[in-house]
Amino acid sequence: MNGKKYLLPLCLLGLLVQHAAFAEGLSQLVDDPLQTQPEQLQSGATLPDASRISCSQSVDFSQPLTLSGAVDTALCNNPQIRATWAEIKVQSGVVGEARAAYLPTISGSVSRLRDSTVYSAGSQAPGVTSTGNQYYGSLNWRLFDFGGRAANRESANQMLLAAIAGHDAALQKTMVTVIQAWFDTLTSQAEVDARQHIAELARQTLIVAQRRESLGASAQDETLQATTALAKAELTAMRASGDYQKNIALLRQAMGIDLATELTLPRQPERVIPSDIHDLNEWLKQAEDRHPAIQEARAKWAADKDKIISVRSEGLPTVDLTAHMSRNGFPNQGLSSINQTSKDIGITVSIPLFDGFSRQYKIQEARAQAEQSEAQMEDTTARIMTDVVKAYADARTALNVLTASQQLLDAAQKSVQSVQRRYDKNVADILEVMNAQSALADAQQQRIEAIAAWQSARLSLLANTGILSQLSESSG
């Protein structure tokens, strides 16, 4: 009994699910009967790593802003991305028009007419009035056109691919901008911390110098030098703070959020594990195969080549099947005096004979446009390949500097600790302390710049190769 109790609700639920699926399929069939919409429009935009762009969840700015949070916000707010997404929809419609050219067109009309015939006053014939319905239908179907429709269809397909690549390029550009802004802000925040640390060391040195002066262990000159060093360190820290405020404002702008939004970022990692750079030829091959700008230029060139065939076919004969059916007369004419039905079917061959040489110049224009697109594709490819070579060289250099900068920082920190201990015990003078602190400040700056250079070079290499994604969040 218990099984039978739930059988009916389960059956109803199954019917509802089937009905919903059928309704969804019917809606898609009505909206896109020729199946022209690409997968991107149906499932949503994706990043190069196949992760989807979701704008349903907002980022909590009260927490430290992660790189993925900054990227998600920028991708959802960028107007250029929305424009390129709309361009995909436009080109999907163009593809539908090109496919529709293979199908017949059918039209019909129904008219309710009232005809009145009135004779002159001298005539003995009475007036005649008739009322009736008039029906008319026609069918036109192009059977052959020397490849014009095929060329238009292929050109539309290529332009759709170009629109998709253009959208990917807009995603890529936005991600490069916001990721670079995020890393710049992270770097400037690390510089603020480093400069404040140096200022704190200078403050501690001043305290020791003042104590030594009060005990008669050192002259007033050392205290003045320590005071000067502290003022210089605080001034440098203020400038670093100003750079940080500027970079965080640029990050807000890149994300497309209110400039008054409070943002905090996580700290720059002290240790960065570099990743493998691989071989240059591998990066070049990936860039040629995957970079959206190259794909877009390549698709536009293919579309322009198909346009030549389309324009040429417009001056060649076409073969159409035509059929008409009328009852009680024809449209824009009066009712037939007798009820009659007229039907005709035939083959129409249209042969363009002379158009004032305009077709010849249109073909020349199409060829020139294809040549221009080819040159633009080659220029885009060469430019991107050059950028990849430069980014690869920068990444190799940054990788070597990254290791050396860590060794320099470790040595400078040990030197400061050693000289401070000796200064506290009155076995070192103020110049040794200041020199060690200056060397530490330089080593910290070198380390920060090395990490920033590595992150920037790695980002540039990924971006110029066309494989940038949210996986780039890892600083290594």
Protein backbone atom coordinates (compact mmCIF):
# COMPACT_ATOMS: atom_id res chain seq x y z
CA MET A 1 0.00 0.00 0.00
CA ASN A 2 2.78 2.43 0.80
CA GLY A 3 4.27 1.96 -2.66
CA LYS A 4 0.94 2.65 -4.35
CA LYS A 5 0.45 5.71 -2.16
CA TYR A 6 3.45 7.47 -3.70
CA LEU A 7 3.08 6.06 -7.21
CA LEU A 8 0.64 8.71 -8.48
CA PRO A 9 2.65 11.74 -7.23
CA LEU A 10 5.81 10.29 -8.76
CA CYS A 11 4.06 9.76 -12.08
CA LEU A 12 2.75 13.31 -12.03
CA LEU A 13 6.23 14.61 -11.21
CA GLY A 14 7.68 12.64 -14.12
CA LEU A 15 5.05 14.06 -16.47
CA LEU A 16 5.82 17.58 -15.29
CA VAL A 17 9.55 17.08 -15.90
CA GLN A 18 8.89 15.70 -19.37
CA HIS A 19 6.52 18.57 -20.10
CA ALA A 20 9.10 21.12 -18.94
CA ALA A 21 11.80 19.52 -21.10
CA PHE A 22 9.43 19.45 -24.09
CA ALA A 23 8.45 23.08 -23.53
CA GLU A 24 12.10 24.11 -23.31
CA GLY A 25 12.93 22.24 -26.51
CA LEU A 26 9.93 23.78 -28.26
CA SER A 27 10.96 27.24 -27.12
CA GLN A 28 14.47 26.72 -28.48
CA LEU A 29 13.03 25.47 -31.76
CA VAL A 30 10.85 28.58 -32.08
CA ASP A 31 13.62 30.98 -31.15
CA ASP A 32 16.30 29.30 -33.27
CA PRO A 33 14.70 26.94 -35.81
CA LEU A 34 17.84 26.73 -37.99
CA GLN A 35 20.14 26.04 -35.01
CA THR A 36 22.47 28.96 -35.66
CA GLN A 37 23.31 29.92 -32.08
CA PRO A 38 26.76 28.69 -31.02
CA GLU A 39 27.33 26.81 -27.80
CA GLN A 40 28.56 30.00 -26.11
CA LEU A 41 25.11 31.61 -26.34
CA GLN A 42 23.38 28.52 -25.01
CA SER A 43 25.70 27.62 -22.13
CA GLY A 44 27.33 30.98 -21.35
CA ALA A 45 30.78 32.45 -21.85
CA THR A 46 33.82 30.56 -20.62
CA LEU A 47 37.43 31.44 -19.92
CA PRO A 48 40.39 29.77 -21.67
CA ASP A 49 40.59 27.18 -18.87
CA ALA A 50 36.90 26.24 -19.54
CA SER A 51 35.71 27.84 -16.29
CA ARG A 52 32.44 29.73 -16.62
CA ILE A 53 31.88 33.41 -16.00
CA SER A 54 29.28 33.78 -13.26
CA CYS A 55 27.92 37.13 -12.19
CA SER A 56 25.28 35.73 -9.84
CA GLN A 57 27.48 35.97 -6.75
CA SER A 58 28.92 39.29 -5.66
CA VAL A 59 32.39 39.61 -4.17
CA ASP A 60 32.63 40.43 -0.46
CA PHE A 61 34.87 43.51 -0.40
CA SER A 62 35.07 43.42 3.39
CA GLN A 63 37.47 40.50 3.00
CA PRO A 64 40.92 40.68 1.34
CA LEU A 65 40.37 40.83 -2.41
CA THR A 66 41.66 37.71 -4.14
CA LEU A 67 42.81 37.74 -7.75
CA SER A 68 39.88 35.57 -8.86
CA GLY A 69 37.45 37.96 -7.13
CA ALA A 70 38.96 40.93 -8.93
CA VAL A 71 38.80 39.10 -12.28
CA ASP A 72 35.18 37.98 -11.78
CA THR A 73 34.08 41.51 -10.91
CA ALA A 74 35.88 43.03 -13.91
CA LEU A 75 34.48 40.47 -16.36
CA CYS A 76 30.93 41.14 -15.17
CA ASN A 77 31.24 44.95 -15.29
CA ASN A 78 33.21 45.54 -18.49
CA PRO A 79 31.06 47.14 -21.24
CA GLN A 80 33.33 45.98 -24.06
CA ILE A 81 32.70 42.36 -23.08
CA ARG A 82 28.95 42.95 -23.22
CA ALA A 83 29.35 44.58 -26.64
CA THR A 84 31.31 41.65 -28.08
CA TRP A 85 28.76 39.24 -26.58
CA ALA A 86 26.02 41.13 -28.42
CA GLU A 87 28.13 40.90 -31.60
CA ILE A 88 28.00 37.10 -31.36
CA LYS A 89 24.20 37.34 -31.30
CA VAL A 90 24.27 39.64 -34.33
CA GLN A 91 26.45 37.27 -36.32
CA SER A 92 24.26 34.33 -35.29
CA GLY A 93 21.38 36.15 -36.96
CA VAL A 94 23.49 36.64 -40.10
CA VAL A 95 24.21 32.90 -40.17
CA GLY A 96 20.47 32.24 -39.89
CA GLU A 97 19.78 34.52 -42.86
CA ALA A 98 22.43 32.70 -44.91
CA ARG A 99 20.92 29.30 -44.07
CA ALA A 100 17.39 30.52 -44.74
CA ALA A 101 18.38 31.27 -48.36
CA TYR A 102 18.29 27.51 -49.03
CA LEU A 103 14.63 27.23 -48.05
CA PRO A 104 11.58 28.21 -50.11
CA THR A 105 9.57 31.31 -49.36
CA ILE A 106 5.81 30.98 -49.17
CA SER A 107 3.34 33.84 -48.97
CA GLY A 108 -0.42 34.09 -49.07
CA SER A 109 -3.18 36.62 -48.81
CA VAL A 110 -6.92 36.62 -48.21
CA SER A 111 -9.08 39.60 -49.21
CA ARG A 112 -12.73 40.40 -48.63
CA LEU A 113 -13.89 42.54 -51.55
CA ARG A 114 -17.07 44.32 -52.55
CA ASP A 115 -17.32 45.33 -56.22
CA SER A 116 -19.93 47.80 -57.43
CA THR A 117 -20.66 48.66 -61.05
CA VAL A 118 -22.79 51.77 -61.74
CA TYR A 119 -23.83 52.72 -65.31
CA SER A 120 -24.49 56.20 -66.66
CA ALA A 121 -27.92 57.79 -66.40
CA GLY A 122 -28.80 57.05 -70.03
CA SER A 123 -28.17 53.35 -69.70
CA GLN A 124 -31.05 50.98 -69.11
CA ALA A 125 -28.83 48.39 -67.41
CA PRO A 126 -29.16 48.24 -63.63
CA GLY A 127 -26.09 48.53 -61.36
CA VAL A 128 -24.36 45.38 -60.21
CA THR A 129 -22.87 44.77 -56.76
CA SER A 130 -20.96 41.65 -55.81
CA THR A 131 -19.27 40.58 -52.59
CA GLY A 132 -16.79 37.74 -52.19
CA ASN A 133 -13.47 36.45 -50.94
CA GLN A 134 -10.23 36.43 -52.91
CA TYR A 135 -7.38 34.00 -52.14
CA TYR A 136 -3.81 34.06 -53.38
CA GLY A 137 -0.68 32.05 -52.59
CA SER A 138 2.83 31.89 -54.02
CA LEU A 139 5.97 29.81 -53.60
CA ASN A 140 9.51 30.73 -54.67
CA TRP A 141 12.48 28.40 -54.28
CA ARG A 142 15.95 29.08 -55.61
CA LEU A 143 17.40 25.85 -56.96
CA PHE A 144 20.79 26.92 -58.35
CA ASP A 145 22.92 30.06 -58.20
CA PHE A 146 26.57 29.12 -58.97
CA GLY A 147 27.65 29.00 -55.32
CA GLY A 148 26.42 32.38 -54.13
CA ARG A 149 24.40 31.04 -51.20
CA ALA A 150 27.15 28.64 -50.20
CA ALA A 151 29.70 31.47 -50.18
CA ASN A 152 27.40 33.70 -48.13
CA ARG A 153 26.80 30.89 -45.66
CA GLU A 154 30.51 30.15 -45.25
CA SER A 155 31.30 33.86 -44.94
CA ALA A 156 28.65 34.19 -42.22
CA ASN A 157 30.08 31.17 -40.40
CA GLN A 158 33.56 32.67 -40.49
CA MET A 159 32.31 36.03 -39.24
CA LEU A 160 30.57 34.22 -36.38
CA LEU A 161 33.89 32.57 -35.52
CA ALA A 162 35.51 36.01 -35.71
CA ALA A 163 32.88 37.41 -33.32
CA ILE A 164 33.52 34.57 -30.86
CA ALA A 165 37.27 35.16 -31.10
CA GLY A 166 36.67 38.89 -30.64
CA HIS A 167 34.76 38.17 -27.45
CA ASP A 168 37.61 35.96 -26.24
CA ALA A 169 40.04 38.76 -27.05
CA ALA A 170 37.94 41.20 -25.01
CA LEU A 171 37.96 38.74 -22.10
CA GLN A 172 41.71 38.39 -22.48
CA LYS A 173 42.29 42.13 -22.56
CA THR A 174 40.12 42.74 -19.52
CA MET A 175 41.82 39.96 -17.56
CA VAL A 176 45.28 41.29 -18.45
CA THR A 177 44.31 44.77 -17.29
CA VAL A 178 42.77 43.74 -13.98
CA ILE A 179 45.40 41.10 -13.15
CA GLN A 180 48.20 43.57 -13.83
CA ALA A 181 46.42 46.18 -11.71
CA TRP A 182 45.98 43.64 -8.91
CA PHE A 183 49.66 42.68 -8.95
CA ASP A 184 50.72 46.35 -9.14
CA THR A 185 48.60 47.10 -6.07
CA LEU A 186 49.99 44.05 -4.27
CA THR A 187 53.53 45.18 -5.12
CA SER A 188 52.96 48.74 -3.98
CA GLN A 189 51.44 47.43 -0.74
CA ALA A 190 54.59 45.36 -0.19
CA GLU A 191 56.70 48.46 -0.81
CA VAL A 192 54.70 50.34 1.84
CA ASP A 193 55.32 47.54 4.32
CA ALA A 194 59.02 47.45 3.48
CA ARG A 195 59.42 51.23 3.78
CA GLN A 196 57.57 51.26 7.08
CA HIS A 197 59.82 48.49 8.33
CA ILE A 198 62.91 50.52 7.41
CA ALA A 199 61.41 53.57 9.13
CA GLU A 200 60.84 51.49 12.26
CA LEU A 201 64.45 50.32 12.19
CA ALA A 202 65.57 53.95 11.83
CA ARG A 203 63.35 54.92 14.77
CA GLN A 204 64.89 52.21 16.95
CA THR A 205 68.36 53.34 15.90
CA LEU A 206 67.51 56.91 16.91
CA ILE A 207 66.35 55.70 20.33
CA VAL A 208 69.63 53.85 20.84
CA ALA A 209 71.63 56.87 19.64
CA GLN A 210 69.79 59.16 22.05
CA ARG A 211 70.44 56.73 24.92
CA ARG A 212 74.12 56.48 24.06
CA GLU A 213 74.39 60.27 23.85
CA SER A 214 72.76 60.63 27.28
CA LEU A 215 75.31 58.18 28.70
CA GLY A 216 78.18 60.00 27.04
CA ALA A 217 79.05 57.00 24.87
CA SER A 218 78.59 58.92 21.60
CA ALA A 219 78.55 62.45 20.30
CA GLN A 220 75.51 64.53 19.34
CA ASP A 221 76.51 64.10 15.70
CA GLU A 222 75.39 60.46 15.75
CA THR A 223 71.99 61.44 17.09
CA LEU A 224 71.57 64.04 14.35
CA GLN A 225 72.53 61.51 11.69
CA ALA A 226 70.02 59.02 13.10
CA THR A 227 67.35 61.75 13.13
CA THR A 228 68.09 62.55 9.48
CA ALA A 229 67.94 58.89 8.52
CA LEU A 230 64.55 58.53 10.24
CA ALA A 231 63.12 61.58 8.46
CA LYS A 232 64.33 60.25 5.11
CA ALA A 233 62.84 56.80 5.81
CA GLU A 234 59.47 58.31 6.79
CA LEU A 235 59.45 60.48 3.66
CA THR A 236 60.11 57.43 1.48
CA ALA A 237 57.34 55.55 3.28
CA MET A 238 54.91 58.41 2.60
CA ARG A 239 55.74 58.32 -1.11
CA ALA A 240 55.23 54.56 -1.19
CA SER A 241 51.85 55.04 0.51
CA GLY A 242 50.88 57.56 -2.16
CA ASP A 243 51.80 55.10 -4.92
CA TYR A 244 49.69 52.44 -3.20
CA GLN A 245 46.65 54.72 -3.09
CA LYS A 246 47.08 55.48 -6.77
CA ASN A 247 47.36 51.80 -7.72
CA ILE A 248 44.36 50.76 -5.66
CA ALA A 249 42.31 53.48 -7.39
CA LEU A 250 43.42 52.10 -10.77
CA LEU A 251 42.41 48.62 -9.58
CA ARG A 252 38.92 49.87 -8.72
CA GLN A 253 38.71 51.46 -12.16
CA ALA A 254 39.82 48.24 -13.88
CA MET A 255 37.19 46.29 -11.92
CA GLY A 256 34.45 48.77 -12.85
CA ILE A 257 33.37 49.42 -9.25
CA ASP A 258 32.68 52.58 -7.28
CA LEU A 259 35.94 54.44 -6.65
CA ALA A 260 34.86 54.96 -3.03
CA THR A 261 34.76 51.19 -2.36
CA GLU A 262 37.13 50.14 0.39
CA LEU A 263 39.54 47.41 -0.73
CA THR A 264 42.14 45.37 1.09
CA LEU A 265 44.53 42.91 -0.51
CA PRO A 266 46.38 39.92 0.89
CA ARG A 267 50.09 40.32 1.59
CA GLN A 268 52.66 39.63 -1.08
CA PRO A 269 54.21 36.20 -0.42
CA GLU A 270 57.75 36.29 0.91
CA ARG A 271 58.63 33.11 -0.92
CA VAL A 272 57.68 32.63 -4.55
CA ILE A 273 58.08 29.24 -6.18
CA PRO A 274 58.78 29.86 -9.88
CA SER A 275 57.17 27.65 -12.49
CA ASP A 276 58.78 26.10 -15.53
CA ILE A 277 59.03 28.37 -18.58
CA HIS A 278 59.28 25.51 -21.12
CA ASP A 279 60.73 25.98 -24.58
CA LEU A 280 60.21 29.13 -26.65
CA ASN A 281 59.01 27.19 -29.72
CA GLU A 282 56.24 25.64 -27.64
CA TRP A 283 55.01 29.08 -26.57
CA LEU A 284 55.12 30.32 -30.18
CA LYS A 285 53.11 27.34 -31.40
CA GLN A 286 50.49 27.81 -28.70
CA ALA A 287 50.21 31.50 -29.53
CA GLU A 288 49.71 30.76 -33.23
CA ASP A 289 47.04 28.14 -32.48
CA ARG A 290 45.18 29.72 -29.56
CA HIS A 291 45.58 33.48 -29.45
CA PRO A 292 42.08 34.98 -30.00
CA ALA A 293 43.38 37.98 -31.96
CA ILE A 294 45.04 35.66 -34.49
CA GLN A 295 41.92 33.50 -34.69
CA GLU A 296 39.77 36.58 -35.24
CA ALA A 297 42.03 37.91 -38.02
CA ARG A 298 42.19 34.47 -39.64
CA ALA A 299 38.39 34.10 -39.62
CA LYS A 300 37.90 37.57 -41.13
CA TRP A 301 40.31 36.75 -43.92
CA ALA A 302 38.42 33.52 -44.70
CA ALA A 303 35.10 35.41 -44.68
CA ASP A 304 36.44 38.03 -47.12
CA LYS A 305 37.66 35.29 -49.48
CA ASP A 306 34.18 33.76 -49.49
CA LYS A 307 32.78 37.21 -50.20
CA ILE A 308 34.60 37.21 -53.56
CA ILE A 309 32.68 34.09 -54.63
CA SER A 310 29.42 35.60 -53.40
CA VAL A 311 29.89 38.85 -55.33
CA ARG A 312 30.96 37.00 -58.50
CA SER A 313 27.90 34.73 -58.36
CA GLU A 314 25.56 37.73 -58.35
CA GLY A 315 26.44 38.29 -62.02
CA LEU A 316 25.73 34.67 -63.01
CA PRO A 317 22.41 32.99 -63.92
CA THR A 318 20.03 31.71 -61.25
CA VAL A 319 17.37 29.01 -61.45
CA ASP A 320 14.17 29.33 -59.39
CA LEU A 321 11.08 27.22 -58.93
CA THR A 322 7.91 29.33 -58.83
CA ALA A 323 4.32 28.37 -58.12
CA HIS A 324 1.15 30.47 -57.75
CA MET A 325 -2.45 29.79 -56.93
CA SER A 326 -5.30 32.29 -57.02
CA ARG A 327 -9.04 32.08 -56.59
CA ASN A 328 -11.60 34.68 -57.65
CA GLY A 329 -8.98 36.90 -59.28
CA PHE A 330 -5.54 38.26 -58.39
CA PRO A 331 -4.36 40.70 -55.70
CA ASN A 332 -4.94 44.40 -56.44
CA GLN A 333 -7.60 43.45 -59.01
CA GLY A 334 -11.34 43.23 -58.73
CA LEU A 335 -13.35 40.11 -58.07
CA SER A 336 -13.68 37.72 -60.95
CA SER A 337 -17.12 37.70 -62.55
CA ILE A 338 -17.21 33.95 -62.12
CA ASN A 339 -15.77 31.74 -59.42
CA GLN A 340 -12.49 30.43 -60.79
CA THR A 341 -9.23 29.00 -59.53
CA SER A 342 -5.95 29.64 -61.34
CA LYS A 343 -2.78 27.61 -60.75
CA ASP A 344 0.66 27.79 -62.35
CA ILE A 345 4.07 26.27 -61.70
CA GLY A 346 7.31 26.74 -63.58
CA ILE A 347 11.06 27.13 -63.68
CA THR A 348 12.52 30.62 -64.03
CA VAL A 349 16.05 31.17 -65.33
CA SER A 350 17.38 34.69 -64.69
CA ILE A 351 20.42 35.77 -66.71
CA PRO A 352 22.01 39.15 -65.89
CA LEU A 353 23.13 40.68 -69.17
CA PHE A 354 24.56 44.10 -68.39
CA ASP A 355 24.82 46.15 -65.21
CA GLY A 356 27.04 49.01 -66.28
CA PHE A 357 30.25 47.16 -65.25
CA SER A 358 29.35 47.59 -61.57
CA ARG A 359 29.78 43.85 -60.93
CA GLN A 360 33.37 44.00 -62.18
CA TYR A 361 34.26 46.76 -59.74
CA LYS A 362 32.49 45.00 -56.86
CA ILE A 363 34.63 41.92 -57.52
CA GLN A 364 37.76 44.07 -57.52
CA GLU A 365 36.66 45.63 -54.24
CA ALA A 366 36.06 42.20 -52.70
CA ARG A 367 39.49 40.97 -53.82
CA ALA A 368 41.18 44.06 -52.41
CA GLN A 369 39.33 43.59 -49.12
CA ALA A 370 40.55 39.99 -48.94
CA GLU A 371 44.13 41.12 -49.62
CA GLN A 372 43.82 43.71 -46.87
CA SER A 373 42.48 41.12 -44.42
CA GLU A 374 45.33 38.76 -45.29
CA ALA A 375 47.89 41.51 -44.66
CA GLN A 376 46.21 42.38 -41.35
CA MET A 377 46.27 38.72 -40.31
CA GLU A 378 49.99 38.44 -41.12
CA ASP A 379 50.70 41.69 -39.27
CA THR A 380 48.71 40.54 -36.22
CA THR A 381 50.50 37.19 -36.20
CA ALA A 382 53.96 38.78 -36.55
CA ARG A 383 53.22 41.31 -33.80
CA ILE A 384 52.02 38.66 -31.38
CA MET A 385 54.97 36.38 -32.15
CA THR A 386 57.33 39.28 -31.42
CA ASP A 387 55.54 39.97 -28.14
CA VAL A 388 55.85 36.31 -27.17
CA VAL A 389 59.61 36.34 -27.85
CA LYS A 390 60.05 39.49 -25.75
CA ALA A 391 57.87 38.15 -22.93
CA TYR A 392 59.77 34.86 -22.93
CA ALA A 393 63.12 36.66 -22.65
CA ASP A 394 61.79 38.86 -19.85
CA ALA A 395 60.44 35.82 -18.01
CA ARG A 396 63.79 34.00 -18.24
CA THR A 397 65.61 37.06 -16.91
CA ALA A 398 63.06 37.60 -14.13
CA LEU A 399 63.37 33.95 -13.15
CA ASN A 400 67.14 34.32 -12.63
CA VAL A 401 66.78 37.66 -10.80
CA LEU A 402 64.16 36.12 -8.49
CA THR A 403 66.67 33.67 -7.01
CA ALA A 404 69.46 36.24 -6.72
CA SER A 405 67.20 38.79 -5.03
CA GLN A 406 66.26 36.31 -2.30
CA GLN A 407 69.92 35.61 -1.58
CA LEU A 408 70.62 39.36 -1.42
CA LEU A 409 67.72 39.95 0.98
CA ASP A 410 68.78 37.12 3.30
CA ALA A 411 72.33 38.50 3.49
CA ALA A 412 71.14 42.08 4.12
CA GLN A 413 68.81 40.99 6.93
CA LYS A 414 71.61 39.09 8.68
CA SER A 415 73.90 42.11 8.28
CA VAL A 416 71.40 44.47 9.92
CA GLN A 417 70.81 42.10 12.82
CA SER A 418 74.55 41.75 13.38
CA VAL A 419 75.38 45.48 13.26
CA GLN A 420 72.46 46.36 15.54
CA ARG A 421 73.67 43.93 18.17
CA ARG A 422 77.19 45.41 17.98
CA TYR A 423 75.81 48.97 18.05
CA ASP A 424 73.79 48.18 21.17
CA LYS A 425 77.01 46.93 22.79
CA ASN A 426 78.94 50.07 21.73
CA VAL A 427 81.25 48.16 19.36
CA ALA A 428 79.88 49.72 16.15
CA ASP A 429 79.27 53.30 15.08
CA ILE A 430 76.22 54.94 13.57
CA LEU A 431 77.61 54.88 10.03
CA GLU A 432 77.79 51.08 10.06
CA VAL A 433 74.18 50.90 11.22
CA MET A 434 72.97 53.35 8.60
CA ASN A 435 74.90 51.61 5.83
CA ALA A 436 73.45 48.24 6.84
CA GLN A 437 69.91 49.65 6.97
CA SER A 438 70.38 51.32 3.60
CA ALA A 439 71.60 48.02 2.15
CA LEU A 440 68.57 46.25 3.63
CA ALA A 441 66.22 48.82 2.17
CA ASP A 442 67.84 48.35 -1.22
CA ALA A 443 67.66 44.55 -0.90
CA GLN A 444 63.97 44.70 0.06
CA GLN A 445 63.27 46.95 -2.91
CA GLN A 446 65.19 44.59 -5.20
CA ARG A 447 63.21 41.63 -3.87
CA ILE A 448 59.87 43.36 -4.29
CA GLU A 449 60.77 44.44 -7.81
CA ALA A 450 62.02 40.94 -8.64
CA ILE A 451 58.74 39.35 -7.54
CA ALA A 452 56.76 42.00 -9.43
CA ALA A 453 58.94 41.54 -12.55
CA TRP A 454 58.45 37.76 -12.42
CA GLN A 455 54.69 38.04 -12.00
CA SER A 456 54.46 40.66 -14.74
CA ALA A 457 56.68 38.69 -17.14
CA ARG A 458 54.76 35.48 -16.51
CA LEU A 459 51.46 37.32 -16.98
CA SER A 460 52.73 38.88 -20.21
CA LEU A 461 53.88 35.51 -21.53
CA LEU A 462 50.52 33.88 -20.79
CA ALA A 463 48.60 36.82 -22.23
CA ASN A 464 50.62 37.02 -25.45
CA THR A 465 50.28 33.28 -25.89
CA GLY A 466 46.52 33.47 -25.50
CA ILE A 467 46.17 31.00 -22.61
CA LEU A 468 45.60 33.44 -19.79
CA SER A 469 42.97 32.27 -17.32
CA GLN A 470 42.02 32.43 -13.69
CA LEU A 471 44.62 29.74 -13.09
CA SER A 472 47.10 32.61 -13.28
CA GLU A 473 46.14 33.50 -9.71
CA SER A 474 49.02 31.42 -8.47
CA SER A 475 51.95 33.77 -8.18
CA GLY A 476 54.28 30.97 -9.18
